[in-house]
N, C-alpha and C. Protein backbone atom coordinates (compact mmCIF):
# COMPACT_ATOMS: atom_id res chain seq x y z
N MET A 1 40.55 68.90 9.84
CA MET A 1 40.99 68.09 10.95
C MET A 1 41.91 68.93 11.85
N ASN A 2 41.77 68.68 13.14
CA ASN A 2 42.66 69.40 14.05
C ASN A 2 43.92 68.59 14.32
N ILE A 3 44.83 69.17 15.04
CA ILE A 3 46.15 68.55 15.25
C ILE A 3 46.06 67.28 16.09
N ARG A 4 45.12 67.23 17.04
CA ARG A 4 44.98 66.02 17.87
C ARG A 4 44.57 64.83 17.02
N THR A 5 43.60 65.04 16.15
CA THR A 5 43.12 63.95 15.30
C THR A 5 44.23 63.47 14.37
N LEU A 6 44.98 64.41 13.80
CA LEU A 6 46.09 64.01 12.93
C LEU A 6 47.15 63.23 13.70
N THR A 7 47.42 63.65 14.93
CA THR A 7 48.42 62.95 15.74
C THR A 7 47.97 61.53 16.05
N VAL A 8 46.71 61.38 16.45
CA VAL A 8 46.18 60.04 16.76
C VAL A 8 46.19 59.17 15.50
N ALA A 9 45.80 59.73 14.35
CA ALA A 9 45.80 58.95 13.11
C ALA A 9 47.22 58.53 12.73
N LEU A 10 48.19 59.42 12.92
CA LEU A 10 49.58 59.09 12.61
C LEU A 10 50.10 57.97 13.52
N VAL A 11 49.79 58.09 14.83
CA VAL A 11 50.23 57.05 15.77
C VAL A 11 49.58 55.71 15.42
N LEU A 12 48.28 55.70 15.11
CA LEU A 12 47.60 54.45 14.74
C LEU A 12 48.18 53.88 13.44
N GLY A 13 48.48 54.75 12.50
CA GLY A 13 49.09 54.28 11.25
C GLY A 13 50.45 53.63 11.49
N LEU A 14 51.26 54.27 12.33
CA LEU A 14 52.56 53.68 12.66
C LEU A 14 52.41 52.36 13.40
N LEU A 15 51.40 52.28 14.31
CA LEU A 15 51.14 51.04 15.04
C LEU A 15 50.72 49.92 14.09
N LEU A 16 49.86 50.23 13.13
CA LEU A 16 49.44 49.22 12.14
C LEU A 16 50.61 48.78 11.27
N LEU A 17 51.46 49.73 10.90
CA LEU A 17 52.65 49.40 10.12
C LEU A 17 53.57 48.48 10.92
N PHE A 18 53.75 48.83 12.19
CA PHE A 18 54.57 48.00 13.07
C PHE A 18 53.98 46.60 13.21
N ALA A 19 52.63 46.53 13.38
CA ALA A 19 51.96 45.23 13.52
C ALA A 19 52.09 44.43 12.23
N GLY A 20 51.97 45.09 11.09
CA GLY A 20 52.10 44.40 9.81
C GLY A 20 53.49 43.85 9.59
N LEU A 21 54.50 44.63 9.96
CA LEU A 21 55.88 44.18 9.79
C LEU A 21 56.23 43.03 10.73
N ASN A 22 55.60 43.01 11.91
CA ASN A 22 55.90 41.98 12.90
C ASN A 22 54.70 41.07 13.14
N TRP A 23 53.99 40.74 12.09
CA TRP A 23 52.76 39.97 12.21
C TRP A 23 53.00 38.58 12.80
N SER A 24 54.05 37.97 12.45
CA SER A 24 54.33 36.62 12.97
C SER A 24 54.54 36.66 14.48
N ALA A 25 55.20 37.74 14.98
CA ALA A 25 55.40 37.87 16.43
C ALA A 25 54.08 38.20 17.12
N PHE A 26 53.24 38.96 16.44
CA PHE A 26 51.95 39.35 17.01
C PHE A 26 51.02 38.15 17.15
N THR A 27 51.12 37.19 16.23
CA THR A 27 50.20 36.05 16.25
C THR A 27 50.78 34.83 16.95
N ALA A 28 51.98 34.94 17.46
CA ALA A 28 52.59 33.79 18.17
C ALA A 28 51.87 33.61 19.50
N PRO A 29 51.39 32.39 19.79
CA PRO A 29 50.68 32.15 21.05
C PRO A 29 51.62 32.27 22.24
N THR A 30 51.05 32.79 23.32
CA THR A 30 51.81 33.01 24.55
C THR A 30 50.91 32.67 25.72
N GLN A 31 51.51 32.29 26.81
CA GLN A 31 50.76 31.99 28.03
C GLN A 31 50.45 33.32 28.69
N LEU A 32 49.13 33.63 28.88
CA LEU A 32 48.70 34.89 29.47
C LEU A 32 48.03 34.64 30.81
N ASN A 33 48.38 35.43 31.82
CA ASN A 33 47.80 35.31 33.14
C ASN A 33 46.70 36.36 33.26
N LEU A 34 45.44 35.96 33.51
CA LEU A 34 44.30 36.86 33.62
C LEU A 34 43.85 36.99 35.07
N LEU A 35 44.69 36.82 36.02
CA LEU A 35 44.47 36.91 37.46
C LEU A 35 43.66 35.74 37.99
N VAL A 36 42.65 35.34 37.31
CA VAL A 36 41.80 34.25 37.78
C VAL A 36 42.19 32.94 37.08
N THR A 37 42.62 33.08 35.88
CA THR A 37 42.95 31.90 35.10
C THR A 37 44.11 32.23 34.17
N GLN A 38 44.58 31.23 33.51
CA GLN A 38 45.63 31.42 32.53
C GLN A 38 45.13 30.91 31.19
N VAL A 39 45.47 31.66 30.14
CA VAL A 39 45.05 31.28 28.80
C VAL A 39 46.24 31.38 27.86
N GLU A 40 46.14 30.60 26.80
CA GLU A 40 47.16 30.70 25.77
C GLU A 40 46.52 31.42 24.59
N ALA A 41 47.10 32.61 24.27
CA ALA A 41 46.57 33.45 23.18
C ALA A 41 47.71 34.32 22.66
N PRO A 42 47.54 34.86 21.43
CA PRO A 42 48.59 35.73 20.90
C PRO A 42 48.57 37.10 21.63
N LEU A 43 49.64 37.42 22.36
CA LEU A 43 49.73 38.66 23.14
C LEU A 43 49.65 39.90 22.23
N GLY A 44 50.25 39.85 21.09
CA GLY A 44 50.24 41.00 20.16
C GLY A 44 48.84 41.35 19.71
N LEU A 45 48.02 40.31 19.38
CA LEU A 45 46.65 40.58 18.95
C LEU A 45 45.80 41.11 20.09
N VAL A 46 46.02 40.61 21.31
CA VAL A 46 45.28 41.10 22.48
C VAL A 46 45.61 42.57 22.70
N MET A 47 46.91 42.92 22.66
CA MET A 47 47.31 44.31 22.86
C MET A 47 46.80 45.21 21.73
N LEU A 48 46.81 44.68 20.50
CA LEU A 48 46.28 45.44 19.36
C LEU A 48 44.78 45.69 19.55
N GLY A 49 44.05 44.70 20.06
CA GLY A 49 42.62 44.86 20.33
C GLY A 49 42.38 45.91 21.41
N VAL A 50 43.23 45.90 22.47
CA VAL A 50 43.11 46.89 23.54
C VAL A 50 43.33 48.30 22.97
N VAL A 51 44.33 48.45 22.11
CA VAL A 51 44.61 49.76 21.50
C VAL A 51 43.43 50.20 20.65
N LEU A 52 42.84 49.28 19.88
CA LEU A 52 41.70 49.64 19.04
C LEU A 52 40.49 50.05 19.89
N VAL A 53 40.26 49.34 21.01
CA VAL A 53 39.14 49.71 21.90
C VAL A 53 39.39 51.09 22.50
N LEU A 54 40.62 51.35 22.95
CA LEU A 54 40.95 52.66 23.51
C LEU A 54 40.80 53.77 22.47
N THR A 55 41.21 53.48 21.24
CA THR A 55 41.05 54.46 20.15
C THR A 55 39.58 54.75 19.90
N LEU A 56 38.77 53.70 19.90
CA LEU A 56 37.33 53.89 19.70
C LEU A 56 36.74 54.74 20.84
N LEU A 57 37.15 54.46 22.07
CA LEU A 57 36.67 55.26 23.21
C LEU A 57 37.11 56.72 23.09
N TYR A 58 38.35 56.94 22.62
CA TYR A 58 38.84 58.30 22.43
C TYR A 58 38.01 59.04 21.38
N VAL A 59 37.72 58.36 20.28
CA VAL A 59 36.91 58.97 19.21
C VAL A 59 35.52 59.33 19.73
N LEU A 60 34.90 58.40 20.48
CA LEU A 60 33.57 58.68 21.03
C LEU A 60 33.62 59.84 22.01
N PHE A 61 34.65 59.87 22.86
CA PHE A 61 34.79 60.97 23.82
C PHE A 61 34.97 62.31 23.09
N SER A 62 35.81 62.32 22.05
CA SER A 62 36.04 63.55 21.28
C SER A 62 34.76 64.05 20.62
N LEU A 63 34.00 63.09 20.06
CA LEU A 63 32.72 63.48 19.44
C LEU A 63 31.77 64.06 20.48
N GLY A 64 31.74 63.48 21.67
CA GLY A 64 30.88 64.00 22.74
C GLY A 64 31.29 65.40 23.16
N VAL A 65 32.59 65.63 23.29
CA VAL A 65 33.08 66.96 23.68
C VAL A 65 32.74 67.99 22.60
N GLU A 66 32.95 67.64 21.34
CA GLU A 66 32.63 68.58 20.25
C GLU A 66 31.13 68.86 20.18
N ALA A 67 30.32 67.83 20.37
CA ALA A 67 28.87 68.03 20.33
C ALA A 67 28.41 68.95 21.46
N SER A 68 28.96 68.73 22.67
CA SER A 68 28.56 69.61 23.79
C SER A 68 29.06 71.03 23.55
N ALA A 69 30.25 71.19 22.95
CA ALA A 69 30.76 72.54 22.64
C ALA A 69 29.87 73.21 21.61
N LEU A 70 29.43 72.48 20.60
CA LEU A 70 28.53 73.06 19.59
C LEU A 70 27.20 73.49 20.21
N LEU A 71 26.68 72.66 21.11
CA LEU A 71 25.42 73.03 21.78
C LEU A 71 25.61 74.29 22.63
N GLU A 72 26.75 74.38 23.31
CA GLU A 72 27.05 75.56 24.13
C GLU A 72 27.16 76.82 23.26
N VAL A 73 27.85 76.69 22.14
CA VAL A 73 27.99 77.82 21.21
C VAL A 73 26.62 78.24 20.69
N ARG A 74 25.79 77.30 20.37
CA ARG A 74 24.44 77.61 19.87
C ARG A 74 23.64 78.35 20.94
N ARG A 75 23.75 77.90 22.21
CA ARG A 75 23.03 78.56 23.30
C ARG A 75 23.52 80.00 23.48
N TYR A 76 24.85 80.18 23.43
CA TYR A 76 25.41 81.53 23.55
C TYR A 76 24.95 82.41 22.40
N ALA A 77 24.90 81.89 21.21
CA ALA A 77 24.45 82.66 20.04
C ALA A 77 23.00 83.11 20.22
N ARG A 78 22.15 82.21 20.74
CA ARG A 78 20.74 82.59 20.99
C ARG A 78 20.66 83.70 22.03
N GLU A 79 21.42 83.56 23.12
CA GLU A 79 21.41 84.59 24.16
C GLU A 79 21.92 85.91 23.62
N LEU A 80 22.98 85.86 22.83
CA LEU A 80 23.53 87.07 22.23
C LEU A 80 22.52 87.74 21.32
N TYR A 81 21.81 86.96 20.53
CA TYR A 81 20.78 87.51 19.64
C TYR A 81 19.68 88.19 20.45
N GLN A 82 19.25 87.57 21.54
CA GLN A 82 18.19 88.15 22.37
C GLN A 82 18.65 89.45 23.01
N VAL A 83 19.89 89.49 23.51
CA VAL A 83 20.41 90.72 24.12
C VAL A 83 20.52 91.82 23.07
N ARG A 84 21.01 91.47 21.88
CA ARG A 84 21.14 92.47 20.82
C ARG A 84 19.77 93.02 20.43
N LYS A 85 18.78 92.16 20.35
CA LYS A 85 17.43 92.60 20.00
C LYS A 85 16.88 93.53 21.08
N GLN A 86 17.11 93.20 22.36
CA GLN A 86 16.66 94.08 23.44
C GLN A 86 17.34 95.44 23.37
N LEU A 87 18.64 95.44 23.09
CA LEU A 87 19.36 96.71 22.97
C LEU A 87 18.85 97.54 21.79
N GLU A 88 18.58 96.89 20.66
CA GLU A 88 18.06 97.62 19.50
C GLU A 88 16.69 98.21 19.80
N ASP A 89 15.84 97.44 20.51
CA ASP A 89 14.52 97.95 20.88
C ASP A 89 14.64 99.15 21.82
N ALA A 90 15.55 99.06 22.79
CA ALA A 90 15.75 100.16 23.73
C ALA A 90 16.26 101.40 23.01
N GLU A 91 17.16 101.22 22.05
CA GLU A 91 17.70 102.36 21.32
C GLU A 91 16.62 102.99 20.44
N ALA A 92 15.81 102.17 19.81
CA ALA A 92 14.70 102.70 19.00
C ALA A 92 13.74 103.49 19.88
N SER A 93 13.49 103.01 21.08
CA SER A 93 12.61 103.70 22.01
C SER A 93 13.21 105.06 22.39
N ARG A 94 14.52 105.09 22.64
CA ARG A 94 15.17 106.36 22.98
C ARG A 94 15.09 107.34 21.82
N TYR A 95 15.28 106.86 20.59
CA TYR A 95 15.19 107.75 19.43
C TYR A 95 13.77 108.31 19.29
N ALA A 96 12.78 107.48 19.51
CA ALA A 96 11.40 107.95 19.41
C ALA A 96 11.12 109.00 20.48
N GLU A 97 11.63 108.77 21.69
CA GLU A 97 11.43 109.73 22.78
C GLU A 97 12.14 111.05 22.46
N LEU A 98 13.36 110.97 21.94
CA LEU A 98 14.10 112.17 21.56
C LEU A 98 13.36 112.93 20.46
N LYS A 99 12.82 112.21 19.51
CA LYS A 99 12.08 112.84 18.41
C LYS A 99 10.86 113.58 18.97
N ARG A 100 10.10 112.94 19.87
CA ARG A 100 8.94 113.60 20.47
C ARG A 100 9.36 114.84 21.24
N TYR A 101 10.47 114.74 21.98
CA TYR A 101 10.93 115.89 22.75
C TYR A 101 11.32 117.04 21.83
N LEU A 102 12.09 116.75 20.77
CA LEU A 102 12.51 117.81 19.85
C LEU A 102 11.33 118.43 19.12
N GLU A 103 10.37 117.62 18.72
CA GLU A 103 9.19 118.16 18.05
C GLU A 103 8.41 119.08 19.00
N GLY A 104 8.29 118.67 20.27
CA GLY A 104 7.60 119.51 21.26
C GLY A 104 8.35 120.81 21.49
N ALA A 105 9.68 120.73 21.60
CA ALA A 105 10.49 121.93 21.81
C ALA A 105 10.38 122.86 20.61
N PHE A 106 10.40 122.29 19.43
CA PHE A 106 10.29 123.10 18.22
C PHE A 106 8.91 123.78 18.16
N ALA A 107 7.87 123.06 18.53
CA ALA A 107 6.52 123.64 18.54
C ALA A 107 6.44 124.78 19.56
N ARG A 108 7.07 124.60 20.73
CA ARG A 108 7.06 125.66 21.74
C ARG A 108 7.81 126.89 21.25
N VAL A 109 8.93 126.69 20.57
CA VAL A 109 9.70 127.83 20.04
C VAL A 109 8.87 128.57 18.99
N GLU A 110 8.23 127.82 18.10
CA GLU A 110 7.41 128.48 17.07
C GLU A 110 6.24 129.22 17.70
N GLU A 111 5.64 128.64 18.74
CA GLU A 111 4.52 129.29 19.42
C GLU A 111 4.99 130.58 20.11
N ALA A 112 6.16 130.52 20.77
CA ALA A 112 6.70 131.71 21.43
C ALA A 112 7.04 132.77 20.40
N HIS A 113 7.56 132.34 19.25
CA HIS A 113 7.89 133.29 18.18
C HIS A 113 6.62 133.97 17.67
N ALA A 114 5.57 133.21 17.46
CA ALA A 114 4.30 133.79 16.98
C ALA A 114 3.74 134.76 18.02
N GLN A 115 3.80 134.40 19.29
CA GLN A 115 3.30 135.27 20.36
C GLN A 115 4.11 136.57 20.40
N HIS A 116 5.42 136.46 20.26
CA HIS A 116 6.27 137.64 20.27
C HIS A 116 5.96 138.54 19.09
N GLU A 117 5.75 137.94 17.94
CA GLU A 117 5.40 138.73 16.74
C GLU A 117 4.11 139.52 16.98
N LYS A 118 3.11 138.89 17.60
CA LYS A 118 1.85 139.58 17.87
C LYS A 118 2.06 140.74 18.83
N GLU A 119 2.88 140.50 19.86
CA GLU A 119 3.15 141.57 20.83
C GLU A 119 3.87 142.74 20.16
N VAL A 120 4.85 142.45 19.33
CA VAL A 120 5.60 143.50 18.64
C VAL A 120 4.68 144.28 17.71
N GLU A 121 3.83 143.56 16.98
CA GLU A 121 2.90 144.24 16.08
C GLU A 121 1.95 145.15 16.86
N ALA A 122 1.49 144.67 18.01
CA ALA A 122 0.59 145.50 18.83
C ALA A 122 1.32 146.74 19.32
N ARG A 123 2.59 146.61 19.71
CA ARG A 123 3.36 147.77 20.16
C ARG A 123 3.59 148.74 19.02
N PHE A 124 3.89 148.21 17.82
CA PHE A 124 4.07 149.08 16.66
C PHE A 124 2.79 149.86 16.36
N GLU A 125 1.68 149.17 16.38
CA GLU A 125 0.40 149.84 16.11
C GLU A 125 0.13 150.94 17.13
N ALA A 126 0.43 150.66 18.41
CA ALA A 126 0.22 151.67 19.45
C ALA A 126 1.14 152.86 19.23
N LEU A 127 2.40 152.60 18.85
CA LEU A 127 3.33 153.70 18.59
C LEU A 127 2.91 154.52 17.37
N PHE A 128 2.47 153.85 16.32
CA PHE A 128 2.02 154.59 15.14
C PHE A 128 0.78 155.42 15.45
N ALA A 129 -0.09 154.87 16.26
CA ALA A 129 -1.29 155.64 16.66
C ALA A 129 -0.87 156.86 17.46
N ARG A 130 0.11 156.65 18.37
CA ARG A 130 0.60 157.78 19.17
C ARG A 130 1.28 158.81 18.29
N LEU A 131 2.03 158.38 17.29
CA LEU A 131 2.68 159.30 16.36
C LEU A 131 1.64 160.11 15.57
N ALA A 132 0.63 159.42 15.11
CA ALA A 132 -0.43 160.12 14.36
C ALA A 132 -1.11 161.15 15.25
N GLU A 133 -1.33 160.79 16.49
CA GLU A 133 -1.97 161.71 17.44
C GLU A 133 -1.08 162.92 17.69
N LEU A 134 0.24 162.65 17.82
CA LEU A 134 1.16 163.77 18.04
C LEU A 134 1.24 164.68 16.82
N GLU A 135 1.25 164.12 15.65
CA GLU A 135 1.28 164.94 14.43
C GLU A 135 0.05 165.82 14.33
N ARG A 136 -1.08 165.26 14.68
CA ARG A 136 -2.30 166.04 14.68
C ARG A 136 -2.22 167.17 15.71
N ALA A 137 -1.68 166.83 16.88
CA ALA A 137 -1.56 167.82 17.93
C ALA A 137 -0.58 168.91 17.54
N ILE A 138 0.52 168.50 16.84
CA ILE A 138 1.50 169.50 16.39
C ILE A 138 0.86 170.44 15.38
N GLY A 139 0.09 169.92 14.49
CA GLY A 139 -0.58 170.76 13.50
C GLY A 139 -1.55 171.74 14.14
N GLU A 140 -2.19 171.38 15.20
CA GLU A 140 -3.18 172.22 15.85
C GLU A 140 -2.56 173.21 16.82
N SER A 141 -1.45 172.93 17.35
CA SER A 141 -0.88 173.81 18.37
C SER A 141 0.03 174.87 17.77
N GLY A 142 0.44 175.75 18.60
CA GLY A 142 1.29 176.85 18.16
C GLY A 142 2.75 176.44 18.12
N GLU A 143 3.59 177.45 17.82
CA GLU A 143 5.01 177.17 17.69
C GLU A 143 5.64 176.78 19.02
N ALA A 144 5.19 177.30 20.09
CA ALA A 144 5.79 176.99 21.39
C ALA A 144 5.59 175.51 21.73
N THR A 145 4.39 175.09 21.54
CA THR A 145 4.14 173.68 21.85
C THR A 145 4.66 172.78 20.73
N GLN A 146 4.85 173.38 19.57
CA GLN A 146 5.33 172.58 18.45
C GLN A 146 6.73 172.03 18.73
N ALA A 147 7.59 172.80 19.35
CA ALA A 147 8.94 172.35 19.67
C ALA A 147 8.90 171.18 20.65
N VAL A 148 8.02 171.24 21.64
CA VAL A 148 7.88 170.17 22.63
C VAL A 148 7.39 168.89 21.95
N PHE A 149 6.41 169.08 21.07
CA PHE A 149 5.87 167.92 20.35
C PHE A 149 6.90 167.30 19.41
N LYS A 150 7.69 168.14 18.76
CA LYS A 150 8.73 167.62 17.86
C LYS A 150 9.75 166.81 18.65
N GLU A 151 10.11 167.35 19.83
CA GLU A 151 11.05 166.63 20.67
C GLU A 151 10.48 165.27 21.09
N GLU A 152 9.21 165.26 21.47
CA GLU A 152 8.54 164.00 21.85
C GLU A 152 8.46 163.06 20.65
N LEU A 153 8.19 163.64 19.49
CA LEU A 153 8.10 162.86 18.27
C LEU A 153 9.45 162.21 17.96
N GLU A 154 10.53 162.97 18.07
CA GLU A 154 11.86 162.43 17.81
C GLU A 154 12.20 161.31 18.80
N ARG A 155 11.84 161.51 20.06
CA ARG A 155 12.08 160.47 21.06
C ARG A 155 11.32 159.18 20.71
N LEU A 156 10.07 159.36 20.29
CA LEU A 156 9.27 158.19 19.91
C LEU A 156 9.83 157.50 18.67
N VAL A 157 10.30 158.29 17.72
CA VAL A 157 10.90 157.71 16.51
C VAL A 157 12.15 156.91 16.90
N THR A 158 12.96 157.48 17.79
CA THR A 158 14.15 156.77 18.26
C THR A 158 13.77 155.46 18.95
N GLN A 159 12.75 155.53 19.80
CA GLN A 159 12.29 154.31 20.48
C GLN A 159 11.78 153.28 19.47
N LEU A 160 11.07 153.79 18.45
CA LEU A 160 10.55 152.90 17.42
C LEU A 160 11.69 152.20 16.67
N GLU A 161 12.72 152.95 16.33
CA GLU A 161 13.87 152.35 15.63
C GLU A 161 14.58 151.34 16.53
N THR A 162 14.71 151.68 17.81
CA THR A 162 15.33 150.75 18.76
C THR A 162 14.51 149.47 18.86
N LEU A 163 13.20 149.61 18.92
CA LEU A 163 12.33 148.43 18.97
C LEU A 163 12.45 147.59 17.70
N LYS A 164 12.56 148.27 16.55
CA LYS A 164 12.72 147.53 15.30
C LYS A 164 14.02 146.71 15.33
N LEU A 165 15.11 147.34 15.80
CA LEU A 165 16.39 146.63 15.88
C LEU A 165 16.29 145.44 16.85
N GLN A 166 15.68 145.69 18.01
CA GLN A 166 15.50 144.60 18.98
C GLN A 166 14.65 143.48 18.39
N HIS A 167 13.61 143.88 17.64
CA HIS A 167 12.74 142.87 17.02
C HIS A 167 13.53 142.03 16.02
N ARG A 168 14.35 142.68 15.21
CA ARG A 168 15.16 141.94 14.23
C ARG A 168 16.11 140.97 14.94
N GLU A 169 16.76 141.44 16.02
CA GLU A 169 17.68 140.57 16.76
C GLU A 169 16.95 139.36 17.34
N ILE A 170 15.78 139.60 17.93
CA ILE A 170 15.01 138.51 18.53
C ILE A 170 14.56 137.53 17.45
N VAL A 171 14.11 138.05 16.32
CA VAL A 171 13.68 137.18 15.22
C VAL A 171 14.86 136.34 14.72
N GLN A 172 16.05 136.97 14.61
CA GLN A 172 17.23 136.22 14.17
C GLN A 172 17.58 135.13 15.17
N LYS A 173 17.50 135.44 16.47
CA LYS A 173 17.80 134.44 17.50
C LYS A 173 16.81 133.29 17.43
N ILE A 174 15.54 133.63 17.28
CA ILE A 174 14.51 132.59 17.22
C ILE A 174 14.71 131.72 15.99
N GLU A 175 15.04 132.36 14.86
CA GLU A 175 15.26 131.58 13.64
C GLU A 175 16.49 130.68 13.79
N ALA A 176 17.54 131.17 14.49
CA ALA A 176 18.74 130.35 14.72
C ALA A 176 18.40 129.15 15.59
N VAL A 177 17.61 129.37 16.64
CA VAL A 177 17.21 128.26 17.52
C VAL A 177 16.35 127.28 16.75
N ALA A 178 15.42 127.81 15.95
CA ALA A 178 14.54 126.93 15.17
C ALA A 178 15.36 126.12 14.17
N GLU A 179 16.35 126.74 13.54
CA GLU A 179 17.19 126.04 12.58
C GLU A 179 18.00 124.95 13.27
N ARG A 180 18.54 125.26 14.47
CA ARG A 180 19.29 124.27 15.22
C ARG A 180 18.40 123.09 15.60
N LEU A 181 17.17 123.37 16.04
CA LEU A 181 16.24 122.31 16.41
C LEU A 181 15.88 121.47 15.20
N ARG A 182 15.69 122.13 14.04
CA ARG A 182 15.41 121.37 12.80
C ARG A 182 16.56 120.44 12.48
N ALA A 183 17.81 120.96 12.64
CA ALA A 183 18.99 120.14 12.34
C ALA A 183 19.07 118.95 13.30
N GLU A 184 18.83 119.20 14.60
CA GLU A 184 18.87 118.11 15.58
C GLU A 184 17.77 117.10 15.29
N LEU A 185 16.60 117.59 14.90
CA LEU A 185 15.50 116.70 14.58
C LEU A 185 15.83 115.87 13.35
N GLY A 186 16.48 116.51 12.37
CA GLY A 186 16.90 115.79 11.17
C GLY A 186 17.94 114.73 11.49
N GLU A 187 18.88 115.04 12.42
CA GLU A 187 19.89 114.04 12.83
C GLU A 187 19.23 112.89 13.57
N ALA A 188 18.26 113.20 14.39
CA ALA A 188 17.59 112.15 15.16
C ALA A 188 16.80 111.23 14.23
N ARG A 189 16.26 111.77 13.15
CA ARG A 189 15.49 110.95 12.20
C ARG A 189 16.39 110.02 11.42
N SER A 190 17.62 110.44 11.15
CA SER A 190 18.52 109.59 10.36
C SER A 190 19.36 108.77 11.26
C-alpha cells in the first residue's frame, strides 16, 4: 500500500470511530433545506453517506489512474524491447560485415605473401644460375679475367645475402600483419 491509501484509510477509520462515538447525534433528525424543498432527516447520516460516496469515487479514480499507468508502462516496455532488438540486429550486422572485411584483408595479405615468395624464389634461381655461369666462366678463363670474375662473383654473393636479409624482413613483416589480422578476426568472432 502506498502512503495515500494509508492516509485515506486512517482518516476513514477515525471518521467511523467519531461516528460510532457520536451515533445518537448522527441519527438525530434535523430539518434540512434541499433548495427546492425541506426534509427532516438525520444530518449526520446524510454527511456520512456523502463521505462514503466521495471515498468510493476516490477509490475508483485511483484505480483508473493506476490502470492507465500500468498500460503506459507496458507500452513503453514493448517499445523498449523493439528498439533493443533493432540495435542488437544492427550490431550483429556490423560484426558480420567486419568479419567479412577482415577475412578478405587476411586473404589479400596471404595472396600478396605467396606472390612475393614466388618472385623471391625466381630471383634466387636467376642469381644461382648466374653464379653457376660465372663459376664456369672463371674455370675456363685465364688469371687476368679470373680476378674480374671473382670480383663480380663477390658482388653477386653480397647482393644475394642482402636479398636474403630483405626477404627475411619482409616475411617477418607479413607474418606480423597476418598475426595481427588473425587476432582482430578472433576478437571480432568473440
